[in-house]
């Protein structure tokens, strides 16, 4: 399965952080409850919410029955590729 970062988002997916510049962010595991162009907010198993800068980490992302290792730089979105329409 090829992952196209223009269409791909991690909202609602289970992720685990790894290889973060800030070592205290390594190993955060949970469900993404909010995604912006540059950050993700993760609800952990303990109920806390952690904000992680995408560019500073790599992420294990569960998609179906597979887990992918994805660079946070590939998840960053800019301009129209991340715009959300209000209804």
Protein backbone atom coordinates (compact mmCIF):
# COMPACT_ATOMS: atom_id res chain seq x y z
CA UNK A 1 0.00 0.00 0.00
CA UNK A 2 1.47 3.32 -1.04
CA UNK A 3 0.82 6.25 1.26
CA UNK A 4 0.27 9.59 -0.46
CA UNK A 5 0.85 12.38 2.06
CA UNK A 6 -1.45 14.75 0.15
CA UNK A 7 -4.46 12.61 1.00
CA UNK A 8 -3.25 10.89 4.15
CA UNK A 9 -4.10 11.99 7.68
CA UNK A 10 -3.60 10.27 10.99
CA UNK A 11 -6.76 11.54 12.70
CA UNK A 12 -8.42 8.68 14.57
CA UNK A 13 -5.52 6.30 14.00
CA UNK A 14 -3.39 4.61 16.63
CA UNK A 15 0.19 5.91 16.59
CA UNK A 16 3.42 5.55 18.55
CA UNK A 17 6.19 8.16 18.45
CA UNK A 18 9.84 7.24 17.95
CA UNK A 19 13.15 8.89 17.03
CA UNK A 20 11.96 12.28 18.37
CA UNK A 21 14.38 15.20 18.72
CA UNK A 22 12.94 15.70 22.21
CA UNK A 23 13.59 12.28 23.75
CA UNK A 24 10.80 12.74 26.30
CA UNK A 25 8.31 12.41 23.42
CA UNK A 26 9.56 8.96 22.38
CA UNK A 27 7.10 6.16 23.03
CA UNK A 28 3.89 8.20 23.20
CA UNK A 29 1.18 5.74 22.21
CA UNK A 30 -2.48 6.42 21.65
CA UNK A 31 -5.19 7.68 19.32
CA UNK A 32 -4.84 10.92 17.38
CA UNK A 33 -7.69 13.19 18.47
CA UNK A 34 -6.60 16.32 16.59
CA UNK A 35 -4.34 16.97 13.63
CA UNK A 36 -3.11 20.31 12.35
CA UNK A 37 -0.68 21.04 9.53
CA UNK A 38 2.30 20.74 11.88
CA UNK A 39 1.15 18.89 15.01
CA UNK A 40 -0.87 15.96 16.29
CA UNK A 41 -2.63 15.62 19.65
CA UNK A 42 -2.59 12.10 21.02
CA UNK A 43 -4.93 10.72 23.66
CA UNK A 44 -2.81 8.22 25.57
CA UNK A 45 -3.94 5.08 27.37
CA UNK A 46 -3.64 6.92 30.70
CA UNK A 47 -6.07 9.60 29.51
CA UNK A 48 -3.56 12.41 29.07
CA UNK A 49 -3.32 14.45 25.87
CA UNK A 50 0.12 15.04 24.36
CA UNK A 51 0.90 17.49 21.56
CA UNK A 52 3.67 16.36 19.22
CA UNK A 53 5.32 18.40 16.47
CA UNK A 54 5.24 16.26 13.33
CA UNK A 55 8.56 17.41 11.92
CA UNK A 56 10.44 16.42 15.08
CA UNK A 57 9.38 12.75 15.19
CA UNK A 58 8.84 9.54 13.32
CA UNK A 59 5.54 7.71 13.82
CA UNK A 60 4.45 4.11 13.81
CA UNK A 61 0.94 4.33 12.35
CA UNK A 62 -1.55 1.45 12.46
CA UNK A 63 -3.49 1.16 9.22
CA UNK A 64 -5.74 -1.86 9.03
CA UNK A 65 -3.71 -4.85 10.15
CA UNK A 66 -0.35 -3.26 9.23
CA UNK A 67 1.94 -0.83 11.03
CA UNK A 68 3.96 1.68 9.01
CA UNK A 69 6.94 3.80 10.08
CA UNK A 70 6.39 7.29 8.66
CA UNK A 71 8.54 10.41 8.95
CA UNK A 72 6.68 13.31 10.51
CA UNK A 73 8.08 15.50 7.74
CA UNK A 74 6.02 13.44 5.27
CA UNK A 75 2.90 14.07 7.37
CA UNK A 76 3.28 17.85 7.39
CA UNK A 77 0.68 19.58 5.27
CA UNK A 78 0.56 23.07 3.87
CA UNK A 79 -1.82 25.32 2.02
CA UNK A 80 -4.67 23.75 0.08
CA UNK A 81 -3.59 20.18 0.82
CA UNK A 82 -4.69 20.69 4.43
CA UNK A 83 -7.48 23.22 4.16
CA UNK A 84 -10.77 22.24 5.80
CA UNK A 85 -14.10 23.57 4.57
CA UNK A 86 -16.65 24.83 7.09
CA UNK A 87 -20.20 23.71 6.46
